[in-house]
Structures are given as C-alpha cells and as structure tokens.
PDB file of all heavy atoms in Angstrom:
ATOM      1  N   GLU A   1      -9.208  32.651  59.252  1.00  0.00           N
ATOM      2  CA  GLU A   1     -10.301  32.392  60.184  1.00  0.00           C
ATOM      3  C   GLU A   1      -9.947  31.258  61.113  1.00  0.00           C
ATOM      4  O   GLU A   1      -9.495  30.239  60.593  1.00  0.00           O
ATOM      5  CB  GLU A   1     -11.601  32.013  59.364  1.00  0.00           C
ATOM      6  CG  GLU A   1     -12.287  33.232  58.849  1.00  0.00           C
ATOM      7  CD  GLU A   1     -13.173  33.980  59.936  1.00  0.00           C
ATOM      8  OE1 GLU A   1     -13.086  33.517  61.070  1.00  0.00           O
ATOM      9  OE2 GLU A   1     -13.814  34.931  59.618  1.00  0.00           O
ATOM     10  N   GLY A   2     -10.137  31.379  62.357  1.00  0.00           N
ATOM     11  CA  GLY A   2     -10.025  30.292  63.312  1.00  0.00           C
ATOM     12  C   GLY A   2      -8.455  30.131  63.709  1.00  0.00           C
ATOM     13  O   GLY A   2      -7.642  30.867  63.234  1.00  0.00           O
ATOM     14  N   PHE A   3      -8.245  29.098  64.521  1.00  0.00           N
ATOM     15  CA  PHE A   3      -6.972  28.915  65.090  1.00  0.00           C
ATOM     16  C   PHE A   3      -6.459  27.448  65.080  1.00  0.00           C
ATOM     17  O   PHE A   3      -7.253  26.625  65.499  1.00  0.00           O
ATOM     18  CB  PHE A   3      -6.837  29.420  66.524  1.00  0.00           C
ATOM     19  CG  PHE A   3      -7.157  30.876  66.727  1.00  0.00           C
ATOM     20  CD1 PHE A   3      -8.470  31.396  66.761  1.00  0.00           C
ATOM     21  CD2 PHE A   3      -6.090  31.749  66.744  1.00  0.00           C
ATOM     22  CE1 PHE A   3      -8.750  32.760  66.760  1.00  0.00           C
ATOM     23  CE2 PHE A   3      -6.321  33.164  66.804  1.00  0.00           C
ATOM     24  CZ  PHE A   3      -7.638  33.631  66.922  1.00  0.00           C
ATOM     25  N   GLY A   4      -5.212  27.224  64.582  1.00  0.00           N
ATOM     26  CA  GLY A   4      -4.598  25.926  64.701  1.00  0.00           C
ATOM     27  C   GLY A   4      -3.452  26.077  65.577  1.00  0.00           C
ATOM     28  O   GLY A   4      -3.122  27.085  66.236  1.00  0.00           O
ATOM     29  N   THR A   5      -2.734  24.966  65.786  1.00  0.00           N
ATOM     30  CA  THR A   5      -1.633  24.912  66.807  1.00  0.00           C
ATOM     31  C   THR A   5      -0.548  25.869  66.413  1.00  0.00           C
ATOM     32  O   THR A   5       0.183  26.415  67.203  1.00  0.00           O
ATOM     33  CB  THR A   5      -1.107  23.528  66.902  1.00  0.00           C
ATOM     34  OG1 THR A   5      -0.924  22.924  65.665  1.00  0.00           O
ATOM     35  CG2 THR A   5      -2.109  22.596  67.660  1.00  0.00           C
ATOM     36  N   GLN A   6      -0.285  25.988  65.049  1.00  0.00           N
ATOM     37  CA  GLN A   6       0.803  26.909  64.719  1.00  0.00           C
ATOM     38  C   GLN A   6       0.524  28.332  65.029  1.00  0.00           C
ATOM     39  O   GLN A   6       1.411  28.996  65.552  1.00  0.00           O
ATOM     40  CB  GLN A   6       0.949  26.759  63.065  1.00  0.00           C
ATOM     41  CG  GLN A   6       1.480  25.499  62.604  1.00  0.00           C
ATOM     42  CD  GLN A   6       1.620  25.409  61.106  1.00  0.00           C
ATOM     43  OE1 GLN A   6       1.497  26.404  60.341  1.00  0.00           O
ATOM     44  NE2 GLN A   6       1.870  24.275  60.570  1.00  0.00           N
ATOM     45  N   ARG A   7      -0.680  28.757  64.782  1.00  0.00           N
ATOM     46  CA  ARG A   7      -1.026  30.153  65.120  1.00  0.00           C
ATOM     47  C   ARG A   7      -1.007  30.364  66.583  1.00  0.00           C
ATOM     48  O   ARG A   7      -0.527  31.479  67.083  1.00  0.00           O
ATOM     49  CB  ARG A   7      -2.424  30.460  64.604  1.00  0.00           C
ATOM     50  CG  ARG A   7      -2.833  31.883  64.749  1.00  0.00           C
ATOM     51  CD  ARG A   7      -4.128  32.243  64.039  1.00  0.00           C
ATOM     52  NE  ARG A   7      -4.559  33.633  64.046  1.00  0.00           N
ATOM     53  CZ  ARG A   7      -5.557  34.167  63.474  1.00  0.00           C
ATOM     54  NH1 ARG A   7      -6.347  33.313  62.711  1.00  0.00           N
ATOM     55  NH2 ARG A   7      -5.859  35.431  63.620  1.00  0.00           N
ATOM     56  N   LEU A   8      -1.439  29.474  67.301  1.00  0.00           N
ATOM     57  CA  LEU A   8      -1.471  29.514  68.815  1.00  0.00           C
ATOM     58  C   LEU A   8       0.045  29.653  69.363  1.00  0.00           C
ATOM     59  O   LEU A   8       0.332  30.453  70.181  1.00  0.00           O
ATOM     60  CB  LEU A   8      -2.136  28.408  69.508  1.00  0.00           C
ATOM     61  CG  LEU A   8      -2.550  28.488  70.975  1.00  0.00           C
ATOM     62  CD1 LEU A   8      -3.396  29.671  71.194  1.00  0.00           C
ATOM     63  CD2 LEU A   8      -3.289  27.217  71.292  1.00  0.00           C
ATOM     64  N   GLU A   9       0.801  28.766  68.825  1.00  0.00           N
ATOM     65  CA  GLU A   9       2.215  28.851  69.147  1.00  0.00           C
ATOM     66  C   GLU A   9       2.843  30.235  68.931  1.00  0.00           C
ATOM     67  O   GLU A   9       3.524  30.719  69.677  1.00  0.00           O
ATOM     68  CB  GLU A   9       3.002  27.768  68.434  1.00  0.00           C
ATOM     69  CG  GLU A   9       4.534  27.734  68.618  1.00  0.00           C
ATOM     70  CD  GLU A   9       5.257  26.888  67.677  1.00  0.00           C
ATOM     71  OE1 GLU A   9       4.796  26.672  66.624  1.00  0.00           O
ATOM     72  OE2 GLU A   9       6.420  26.431  68.082  1.00  0.00           O
ATOM     73  N   GLU A  10       2.614  30.734  67.722  1.00  0.00           N
ATOM     74  CA  GLU A  10       3.171  31.975  67.406  1.00  0.00           C
ATOM     75  C   GLU A  10       2.629  33.174  68.204  1.00  0.00           C
ATOM     76  O   GLU A  10       3.418  34.056  68.679  1.00  0.00           O
ATOM     77  CB  GLU A  10       2.914  32.320  65.862  1.00  0.00           C
ATOM     78  CG  GLU A  10       3.542  33.650  65.452  1.00  0.00           C
ATOM     79  CD  GLU A  10       3.395  33.839  63.985  1.00  0.00           C
ATOM     80  OE1 GLU A  10       3.950  32.934  63.182  1.00  0.00           O
ATOM     81  OE2 GLU A  10       2.793  34.823  63.537  1.00  0.00           O
ATOM     82  N   ASP A  11       1.322  33.232  68.461  1.00  0.00           N
ATOM     83  CA  ASP A  11       0.813  34.201  69.352  1.00  0.00           C
ATOM     84  C   ASP A  11       1.326  34.129  70.807  1.00  0.00           C
ATOM     85  O   ASP A  11       1.507  35.178  71.402  1.00  0.00           O
ATOM     86  CB  ASP A  11      -0.730  34.164  69.345  1.00  0.00           C
ATOM     87  CG  ASP A  11      -1.393  34.653  68.015  1.00  0.00           C
ATOM     88  OD1 ASP A  11      -0.619  35.252  67.215  1.00  0.00           O
ATOM     89  OD2 ASP A  11      -2.554  34.373  67.779  1.00  0.00           O
ATOM     90  N   LEU A  12       1.488  32.931  71.202  1.00  0.00           N
ATOM     91  CA  LEU A  12       1.985  32.786  72.622  1.00  0.00           C
ATOM     92  C   LEU A  12       3.389  33.286  72.669  1.00  0.00           C
ATOM     93  O   LEU A  12       3.794  33.834  73.691  1.00  0.00           O
ATOM     94  CB  LEU A  12       1.931  31.306  72.997  1.00  0.00           C
ATOM     95  CG  LEU A  12       0.529  30.724  73.454  1.00  0.00           C
ATOM     96  CD1 LEU A  12       0.441  29.295  73.488  1.00  0.00           C
ATOM     97  CD2 LEU A  12       0.117  31.429  74.781  1.00  0.00           C
ATOM     98  N   ALA A  13       4.186  32.991  71.668  1.00  0.00           N
ATOM     99  CA  ALA A  13       5.568  33.400  71.692  1.00  0.00           C
ATOM    100  C   ALA A  13       5.677  34.921  71.646  1.00  0.00           C
ATOM    101  O   ALA A  13       6.535  35.504  72.270  1.00  0.00           O
ATOM    102  CB  ALA A  13       6.295  32.876  70.403  1.00  0.00           C
ATOM    103  N   ALA A  14       4.775  35.626  70.977  1.00  0.00           N
ATOM    104  CA  ALA A  14       4.744  37.102  71.042  1.00  0.00           C
ATOM    105  C   ALA A  14       4.206  37.634  72.409  1.00  0.00           C
ATOM    106  O   ALA A  14       4.680  38.652  72.768  1.00  0.00           O
ATOM    107  CB  ALA A  14       3.768  37.621  69.809  1.00  0.00           C
ATOM    108  N   HIS A  15       3.296  36.950  72.867  1.00  0.00           N
ATOM    109  CA  HIS A  15       2.736  37.427  74.223  1.00  0.00           C
ATOM    110  C   HIS A  15       3.656  37.165  75.431  1.00  0.00           C
ATOM    111  O   HIS A  15       3.709  37.929  76.353  1.00  0.00           O
ATOM    112  CB  HIS A  15       1.419  36.743  74.512  1.00  0.00           C
ATOM    113  CG  HIS A  15       0.612  37.379  75.623  1.00  0.00           C
ATOM    114  ND1 HIS A  15      -0.175  38.455  75.527  1.00  0.00           N
ATOM    115  CD2 HIS A  15       0.546  36.987  76.876  1.00  0.00           C
ATOM    116  CE1 HIS A  15      -0.762  38.830  76.620  1.00  0.00           C
ATOM    117  NE2 HIS A  15      -0.309  37.907  77.466  1.00  0.00           N
ATOM    118  N   PHE A  16       4.343  35.947  75.320  1.00  0.00           N
ATOM    119  CA  PHE A  16       5.291  35.560  76.398  1.00  0.00           C
ATOM    120  C   PHE A  16       6.637  35.438  75.753  1.00  0.00           C
ATOM    121  O   PHE A  16       7.104  34.246  75.480  1.00  0.00           O
ATOM    122  CB  PHE A  16       4.886  34.261  77.055  1.00  0.00           C
ATOM    123  CG  PHE A  16       3.492  34.340  77.719  1.00  0.00           C
ATOM    124  CD1 PHE A  16       2.378  33.735  77.066  1.00  0.00           C
ATOM    125  CD2 PHE A  16       3.254  35.010  78.841  1.00  0.00           C
ATOM    126  CE1 PHE A  16       1.179  33.741  77.613  1.00  0.00           C
ATOM    127  CE2 PHE A  16       2.055  34.972  79.567  1.00  0.00           C
ATOM    128  CZ  PHE A  16       0.893  34.384  78.796  1.00  0.00           C
ATOM    129  N   PRO A  17       7.438  36.509  75.392  1.00  0.00           N
ATOM    130  CA  PRO A  17       8.640  36.447  74.681  1.00  0.00           C
ATOM    131  C   PRO A  17       9.758  35.697  75.387  1.00  0.00           C
ATOM    132  O   PRO A  17      10.603  35.163  74.711  1.00  0.00           O
ATOM    133  CB  PRO A  17       8.970  37.880  74.496  1.00  0.00           C
ATOM    134  CG  PRO A  17       8.238  38.696  75.567  1.00  0.00           C
ATOM    135  CD  PRO A  17       7.026  37.885  75.807  1.00  0.00           C
ATOM    136  N   THR A  18       9.734  35.537  76.694  1.00  0.00           N
ATOM    137  CA  THR A  18      10.800  34.839  77.469  1.00  0.00           C
ATOM    138  C   THR A  18      10.462  33.308  77.637  1.00  0.00           C
ATOM    139  O   THR A  18      11.268  32.524  78.029  1.00  0.00           O
ATOM    140  CB  THR A  18      11.072  35.454  78.748  1.00  0.00           C
ATOM    141  OG1 THR A  18       9.904  35.388  79.599  1.00  0.00           O
ATOM    142  CG2 THR A  18      11.456  36.879  78.515  1.00  0.00           C
ATOM    143  N   ALA A  19       9.194  32.965  77.288  1.00  0.00           N
ATOM    144  CA  ALA A  19       8.784  31.540  77.497  1.00  0.00           C
ATOM    145  C   ALA A  19       9.397  30.604  76.422  1.00  0.00           C
ATOM    146  O   ALA A  19       9.481  30.983  75.248  1.00  0.00           O
ATOM    147  CB  ALA A  19       7.320  31.429  77.576  1.00  0.00           C
ATOM    148  N   ARG A  20       9.738  29.398  76.861  1.00  0.00           N
ATOM    149  CA  ARG A  20      10.211  28.435  75.921  1.00  0.00           C
ATOM    150  C   ARG A  20       9.065  27.548  75.489  1.00  0.00           C
ATOM    151  O   ARG A  20       8.474  26.852  76.349  1.00  0.00           O
ATOM    152  CB  ARG A  20      11.327  27.558  76.534  1.00  0.00           C
ATOM    153  CG  ARG A  20      12.531  28.401  76.989  1.00  0.00           C
ATOM    154  CD  ARG A  20      13.422  27.661  78.008  1.00  0.00           C
ATOM    155  NE  ARG A  20      12.716  27.216  79.126  1.00  0.00           N
ATOM    156  CZ  ARG A  20      13.280  26.452  80.080  1.00  0.00           C
ATOM    157  NH1 ARG A  20      14.444  25.860  79.920  1.00  0.00           N
ATOM    158  NH2 ARG A  20      12.546  26.193  81.200  1.00  0.00           N
ATOM    159  N   ILE A  21       8.673  27.664  74.238  1.00  0.00           N
ATOM    160  CA  ILE A  21       7.379  27.018  73.753  1.00  0.00           C
ATOM    161  C   ILE A  21       7.702  25.874  72.789  1.00  0.00           C
ATOM    162  O   ILE A  21       8.510  26.017  71.916  1.00  0.00           O
ATOM    163  CB  ILE A  21       6.494  28.084  73.113  1.00  0.00           C
ATOM    164  CG1 ILE A  21       6.231  29.251  74.089  1.00  0.00           C
ATOM    165  CG2 ILE A  21       5.202  27.426  72.627  1.00  0.00           C
ATOM    166  CD1 ILE A  21       5.474  30.409  73.509  1.00  0.00           C
ATOM    167  N   MET A  22       7.008  24.857  72.977  1.00  0.00           N
ATOM    168  CA  MET A  22       7.103  23.665  72.110  1.00  0.00           C
ATOM    169  C   MET A  22       5.708  23.298  71.537  1.00  0.00           C
ATOM    170  O   MET A  22       4.749  23.412  72.219  1.00  0.00           O
ATOM    171  CB  MET A  22       7.684  22.477  72.818  1.00  0.00           C
ATOM    172  CG  MET A  22       7.795  21.195  71.870  1.00  0.00           C
ATOM    173  SD  MET A  22       7.939  19.626  72.833  1.00  0.00           S
ATOM    174  CE  MET A  22       9.308  19.981  73.840  1.00  0.00           C
ATOM    175  N   ARG A  23       5.712  23.010  70.258  1.00  0.00           N
ATOM    176  CA  ARG A  23       4.437  22.559  69.590  1.00  0.00           C
ATOM    177  C   ARG A  23       4.582  21.140  69.167  1.00  0.00           C
ATOM    178  O   ARG A  23       5.527  20.642  68.560  1.00  0.00           O
ATOM    179  CB  ARG A  23       4.183  23.391  68.314  1.00  0.00           C
ATOM    180  CG  ARG A  23       2.962  22.953  67.475  1.00  0.00           C
ATOM    181  CD  ARG A  23       2.642  23.918  66.370  1.00  0.00           C
ATOM    182  NE  ARG A  23       3.806  24.214  65.504  1.00  0.00           N
ATOM    183  CZ  ARG A  23       4.120  23.565  64.480  1.00  0.00           C
ATOM    184  NH1 ARG A  23       3.460  22.466  64.102  1.00  0.00           N
ATOM    185  NH2 ARG A  23       5.151  23.933  63.706  1.00  0.00           N
ATOM    186  N   MET A  24       3.540  20.322  69.607  1.00  0.00           N
ATOM    187  CA  MET A  24       3.566  18.852  69.257  1.00  0.00           C
ATOM    188  C   MET A  24       2.265  18.500  68.528  1.00  0.00           C
ATOM    189  O   MET A  24       1.177  18.587  69.166  1.00  0.00           O
ATOM    190  CB  MET A  24       3.603  18.034  70.536  1.00  0.00           C
ATOM    191  CG  MET A  24       3.904  16.535  70.362  1.00  0.00           C
ATOM    192  SD  MET A  24       3.867  15.656  71.875  1.00  0.00           S
ATOM    193  CE  MET A  24       5.375  16.235  72.636  1.00  0.00           C
ATOM    194  N   ASP A  25       2.410  18.285  67.230  1.00  0.00           N
ATOM    195  CA  ASP A  25       1.319  17.707  66.458  1.00  0.00           C
ATOM    196  C   ASP A  25       1.850  16.923  65.340  1.00  0.00           C
ATOM    197  O   ASP A  25       3.089  16.701  65.194  1.00  0.00           O
ATOM    198  CB  ASP A  25       0.452  18.891  65.891  1.00  0.00           C
ATOM    199  CG  ASP A  25       1.304  19.995  65.112  1.00  0.00           C
ATOM    200  OD1 ASP A  25       2.327  19.596  64.540  1.00  0.00           O
ATOM    201  OD2 ASP A  25       0.901  21.116  65.114  1.00  0.00           O
ATOM    202  N   SER A  26       1.002  16.479  64.410  1.00  0.00           N
ATOM    203  CA  SER A  26       1.534  15.560  63.334  1.00  0.00           C
ATOM    204  C   SER A  26       2.441  16.219  62.401  1.00  0.00           C
ATOM    205  O   SER A  26       3.080  15.591  61.583  1.00  0.00           O
ATOM    206  CB  SER A  26       0.366  14.921  62.622  1.00  0.00           C
ATOM    207  OG  SER A  26      -0.527  15.935  62.059  1.00  0.00           O
ATOM    208  N   ASP A  27       2.430  17.608  62.304  1.00  0.00           N
ATOM    209  CA  ASP A  27       3.374  18.338  61.463  1.00  0.00           C
ATOM    210  C   ASP A  27       4.777  18.509  62.073  1.00  0.00           C
ATOM    211  O   ASP A  27       5.754  18.373  61.301  1.00  0.00           O
ATOM    212  CB  ASP A  27       2.780  19.714  61.186  1.00  0.00           C
ATOM    213  CG  ASP A  27       1.533  19.730  60.418  1.00  0.00           C
ATOM    214  OD1 ASP A  27       1.423  18.904  59.501  1.00  0.00           O
ATOM    215  OD2 ASP A  27       0.615  20.456  60.715  1.00  0.00           O
ATOM    216  N   SER A  28       4.795  18.563  63.423  1.00  0.00           N
ATOM    217  CA  SER A  28       6.089  18.733  64.108  1.00  0.00           C
ATOM    218  C   SER A  28       6.795  17.522  64.426  1.00  0.00           C
ATOM    219  O   SER A  28       7.899  17.440  64.959  1.00  0.00           O
ATOM    220  CB  SER A  28       5.914  19.618  65.378  1.00  0.00           C
ATOM    221  OG  SER A  28       5.163  19.029  66.271  1.00  0.00           O
ATOM    222  N   THR A  29       6.059  16.361  64.276  1.00  0.00           N
ATOM    223  CA  THR A  29       6.645  15.071  64.705  1.00  0.00           C
ATOM    224  C   THR A  29       6.895  14.173  63.573  1.00  0.00           C
ATOM    225  O   THR A  29       6.799  12.927  63.727  1.00  0.00           O
ATOM    226  CB  THR A  29       5.698  14.458  65.778  1.00  0.00           C
ATOM    227  OG1 THR A  29       4.390  14.268  65.274  1.00  0.00           O
ATOM    228  CG2 THR A  29       5.714  15.269  67.113  1.00  0.00           C
ATOM    229  N   THR A  30       7.136  14.622  62.359  1.00  0.00           N
ATOM    230  CA  THR A  30       7.254  13.804  61.208  1.00  0.00           C
ATOM    231  C   THR A  30       8.545  13.075  61.152  1.00  0.00           C
ATOM    232  O   THR A  30       8.644  11.952  60.665  1.00  0.00           O
ATOM    233  CB  THR A  30       7.072  14.636  59.915  1.00  0.00           C
ATOM    234  OG1 THR A  30       8.020  15.740  59.999  1.00  0.00           O
ATOM    235  CG2 THR A  30       5.677  15.149  59.811  1.00  0.00           C
ATOM    236  N   ARG A  31       9.600  13.653  61.707  1.00  0.00           N
ATOM    237  CA  ARG A  31      10.976  13.001  61.701  1.00  0.00           C
ATOM    238  C   ARG A  31      10.884  11.805  62.688  1.00  0.00           C
ATOM    239  O   ARG A  31      10.274  11.901  63.753  1.00  0.00           O
ATOM    240  CB  ARG A  31      12.001  13.934  62.053  1.00  0.00           C
ATOM    241  CG  ARG A  31      12.187  15.031  61.010  1.00  0.00           C
ATOM    242  CD  ARG A  31      13.378  15.883  61.386  1.00  0.00           C
ATOM    243  NE  ARG A  31      13.626  16.971  60.334  1.00  0.00           N
ATOM    244  CZ  ARG A  31      14.619  17.843  60.419  1.00  0.00           C
ATOM    245  NH1 ARG A  31      15.519  17.763  61.419  1.00  0.00           N
ATOM    246  NH2 ARG A  31      14.767  18.717  59.396  1.00  0.00           N
ATOM    247  N   ARG A  32      11.736  10.783  62.379  1.00  0.00           N
ATOM    248  CA  ARG A  32      11.836   9.652  63.205  1.00  0.00           C
ATOM    249  C   ARG A  32      12.374   9.959  64.526  1.00  0.00           C
ATOM    250  O   ARG A  32      13.424  10.622  64.639  1.00  0.00           O
ATOM    251  CB  ARG A  32      12.623   8.517  62.526  1.00  0.00           C
ATOM    252  CG  ARG A  32      12.865   7.300  63.468  1.00  0.00           C
ATOM    253  CD  ARG A  32      13.607   6.207  62.663  1.00  0.00           C
ATOM    254  NE  ARG A  32      12.873   5.667  61.502  1.00  0.00           N
ATOM    255  CZ  ARG A  32      13.435   4.686  60.794  1.00  0.00           C
ATOM    256  NH1 ARG A  32      14.586   4.188  61.014  1.00  0.00           N
ATOM    257  NH2 ARG A  32      12.640   4.183  59.748  1.00  0.00           N
ATOM    258  N   GLY A  33      11.663   9.601  65.611  1.00  0.00           N
ATOM    259  CA  GLY A  33      12.171   9.814  66.938  1.00  0.00           C
ATOM    260  C   GLY A  33      11.873  11.183  67.476  1.00  0.00           C
ATOM    261  O   GLY A  33      12.133  11.507  68.660  1.00  0.00           O
ATOM    262  N   ALA A  34      11.195  12.067  66.671  1.00  0.00           N
ATOM    263  CA  ALA A  34      10.865  13.367  67.083  1.00  0.00           C
ATOM    264  C   ALA A  34       9.972  13.433  68.314  1.00  0.00           C
ATOM    265  O   ALA A  34      10.110  14.207  69.227  1.00  0.00           O
ATOM    266  CB  ALA A  34      10.303  14.213  65.966  1.00  0.00           C
ATOM    267  N   HIS A  35       8.877  12.602  68.234  1.00  0.00           N
ATOM    268  CA  HIS A  35       7.937  12.628  69.326  1.00  0.00           C
ATOM    269  C   HIS A  35       8.565  12.268  70.705  1.00  0.00           C
ATOM    270  O   HIS A  35       8.392  12.968  71.694  1.00  0.00           O
ATOM    271  CB  HIS A  35       6.802  11.643  68.998  1.00  0.00           C
ATOM    272  CG  HIS A  35       5.723  11.588  70.023  1.00  0.00           C
ATOM    273  ND1 HIS A  35       5.776  10.766  71.201  1.00  0.00           N
ATOM    274  CD2 HIS A  35       4.615  12.280  70.207  1.00  0.00           C
ATOM    275  CE1 HIS A  35       4.749  10.911  71.900  1.00  0.00           C
ATOM    276  NE2 HIS A  35       3.905  11.791  71.362  1.00  0.00           N
ATOM    277  N   GLY A  36       9.440  11.237  70.688  1.00  0.00           N
ATOM    278  CA  GLY A  36      10.090  10.777  71.923  1.00  0.00           C
ATOM    279  C   GLY A  36      11.073  11.921  72.391  1.00  0.00           C
ATOM    280  O   GLY A  36      11.156  12.048  73.628  1.00  0.00           O
ATOM    281  N   LYS A  37      11.718  12.526  71.601  1.00  0.00           N
ATOM    282  CA  LYS A  37      12.644  13.598  71.961  1.00  0.00           C
ATOM    283  C   LYS A  37      11.901  14.751  72.594  1.00  0.00           C
ATOM    284  O   LYS A  37      12.311  15.328  73.594  1.00  0.00           O
ATOM    285  CB  LYS A  37      13.508  14.089  70.718  1.00  0.00           C
ATOM    286  CG  LYS A  37      14.537  13.041  70.322  1.00  0.00           C
ATOM    287  CD  LYS A  37      15.275  13.517  69.125  1.00  0.00           C
ATOM    288  CE  LYS A  37      16.286  12.499  68.524  1.00  0.00           C
ATOM    289  NZ  LYS A  37      16.975  12.906  67.316  1.00  0.00           N
ATOM    290  N   MET A  38      10.753  15.123  72.044  1.00  0.00           N
ATOM    291  CA  MET A  38       9.935  16.202  72.515  1.00  0.00           C
ATOM    292  C   MET A  38       9.418  15.890  73.918  1.00  0.00           C
ATOM    293  O   MET A  38       9.413  16.705  74.814  1.00  0.00           O
ATOM    294  CB  MET A  38       8.728  16.536  71.562  1.00  0.00           C
ATOM    295  CG  MET A  38       9.167  17.142  70.341  1.00  0.00           C
ATOM    296  SD  MET A  38       7.674  17.532  69.233  1.00  0.00           S
ATOM    297  CE  MET A  38       8.484  18.507  67.977  1.00  0.00           C
ATOM    298  N   VAL A  39       8.894  14.667  74.036  1.00  0.00           N
ATOM    299  CA  VAL A  39       8.461  14.285  75.451  1.00  0.00           C
ATOM    300  C   VAL A  39       9.452  14.277  76.415  1.00  0.00           C
ATOM    301  O   VAL A  39       9.308  14.909  77.586  1.00  0.00           O
ATOM    302  CB  VAL A  39       7.756  12.844  75.280  1.00  0.00           C
ATOM    303  CG1 VAL A  39       7.529  12.304  76.736  1.00  0.00           C
ATOM    304  CG2 VAL A  39       6.437  12.851  74.457  1.00  0.00           C
ATOM    305  N   SER A  40      10.661  13.773  76.108  1.00  0.00           N
ATOM    306  CA  SER A  40      11.712  13.753  77.092  1.00  0.00           C
ATOM    307  C   SER A  40      12.227  15.287  77.432  1.00  0.00           C
ATOM    308  O   SER A  40      12.459  15.485  78.609  1.00  0.00           O
ATOM    309  CB  SER A  40      12.977  13.018  76.493  1.00  0.00           C
ATOM    310  OG  SER A  40      12.682  11.710  76.295  1.00  0.00           O
ATOM    311  N   ALA A  41      12.264  16.052  76.484  1.00  0.00           N
ATOM    312  CA  ALA A  41      12.706  17.462  76.614  1.00  0.00           C
ATOM    313  C   ALA A  41      11.741  18.208  77.509  1.00  0.00           C
ATOM    314  O   ALA A  41      12.099  18.965  78.398  1.00  0.00           O
ATOM    315  CB  ALA A  41      12.852  18.207  75.307  1.00  0.00           C
ATOM    316  N   PHE A  42      10.400  18.029  77.282  1.00  0.00           N
ATOM    317  CA  PHE A  42       9.453  18.778  78.108  1.00  0.00           C
ATOM    318  C   PHE A  42       9.416  18.146  79.522  1.00  0.00           C
ATOM    319  O   PHE A  42       9.348  18.912  80.521  1.00  0.00           O
ATOM    320  CB  PHE A  42       8.059  18.535  77.486  1.00  0.00           C
ATOM    321  CG  PHE A  42       7.046  19.540  78.098  1.00  0.00           C
ATOM    322  CD1 PHE A  42       7.100  20.916  77.874  1.00  0.00           C
ATOM    323  CD2 PHE A  42       6.136  19.045  78.882  1.00  0.00           C
ATOM    324  CE1 PHE A  42       6.129  21.787  78.470  1.00  0.00           C
ATOM    325  CE2 PHE A  42       5.100  19.925  79.440  1.00  0.00           C
ATOM    326  CZ  PHE A  42       5.200  21.204  79.232  1.00  0.00           C
ATOM    327  N   ALA A  43       9.564  16.921  79.648  1.00  0.00           N
ATOM    328  CA  ALA A  43       9.638  16.284  81.061  1.00  0.00           C
ATOM    329  C   ALA A  43      10.832  16.773  81.789  1.00  0.00           C
ATOM    330  O   ALA A  43      10.803  16.795  83.003  1.00  0.00           O
ATOM    331  CB  ALA A  43       9.615  14.714  80.912  1.00  0.00           C
ATOM    332  N   ALA A  44      11.928  17.003  81.034  1.00  0.00           N
ATOM    333  CA  ALA A  44      13.137  17.420  81.675  1.00  0.00           C
ATOM    334  C   ALA A  44      13.105  18.934  82.055  1.00  0.00           C
ATOM    335  O   ALA A  44      14.086  19.473  82.634  1.00  0.00           O
ATOM    336  CB  ALA A  44      14.292  17.146  80.864  1.00  0.00           C
ATOM    337  N   GLY A  45      11.988  19.632  81.727  1.00  0.00           N
ATOM    338  CA  GLY A  45      11.921  21.082  82.008  1.00  0.00           C
ATOM    339  C   GLY A  45      12.651  21.965  81.024  1.00  0.00           C
ATOM    340  O   GLY A  45      12.805  23.117  81.347  1.00  0.00           O
ATOM    341  N   GLU A  46      12.952  21.449  79.895  1.00  0.00           N
ATOM    342  CA  GLU A  46      13.634  22.330  78.833  1.00  0.00           C
ATOM    343  C   GLU A  46      12.688  23.258  78.192  1.00  0.00           C
ATOM    344  O   GLU A  46      13.149  24.204  77.582  1.00  0.00           O
ATOM    345  CB  GLU A  46      14.305  21.411  77.752  1.00  0.00           C
ATOM    346  CG  GLU A  46      15.371  20.528  78.431  1.00  0.00           C
ATOM    347  CD  GLU A  46      15.976  19.605  77.367  1.00  0.00           C
ATOM    348  OE1 GLU A  46      15.840  19.849  76.139  1.00  0.00           O
ATOM    349  OE2 GLU A  46      16.651  18.644  77.752  1.00  0.00           O
ATOM    350  N   TYR A  47      11.364  23.071  78.452  1.00  0.00           N
ATOM    351  CA  TYR A  47      10.417  23.991  77.854  1.00  0.00           C
ATOM    352  C   TYR A  47       9.389  24.364  78.853  1.00  0.00           C
ATOM    353  O   TYR A  47       9.132  23.516  79.832  1.00  0.00           O
ATOM    354  CB  TYR A  47       9.647  23.331  76.614  1.00  0.00           C
ATOM    355  CG  TYR A  47      10.544  23.111  75.413  1.00  0.00           C
ATOM    356  CD1 TYR A  47      11.301  22.014  75.269  1.00  0.00           C
ATOM    357  CD2 TYR A  47      10.649  24.148  74.374  1.00  0.00           C
ATOM    358  CE1 TYR A  47      12.160  21.847  74.181  1.00  0.00           C
ATOM    359  CE2 TYR A  47      11.413  23.972  73.285  1.00  0.00           C
ATOM    360  CZ  TYR A  47      12.214  22.793  73.198  1.00  0.00           C
ATOM    361  OH  TYR A  47      13.032  22.664  72.118  1.00  0.00           O
TER     362      TYR A  47
END
C-alpha cells in the first residue's frame, strides 16, 4: 500500500526506460561522501 521513493524510482525506470534516474534519500546516502557525489553528478547532467 502506498508509495515510497524506492517504488517511485522503479516505476519511473519502467515507464521511461532510457532515462537516467537517481534516488536520493537516507537509504541511498549512507556511505560517506555519497550525498556530495550525487549532487555533483546531477548538477553535471549525468542524470
């Protein structure tokens, strides 16, 4: 029931199969430096 970020990410990947999708939440940013790397990658247009 309902939708979290993981489900939304997966449904979007199925609906837009060629899109490069990134998920940013406390589950995906647990590793040291992960948040900064994600921000830089999205700002650079990699997603």
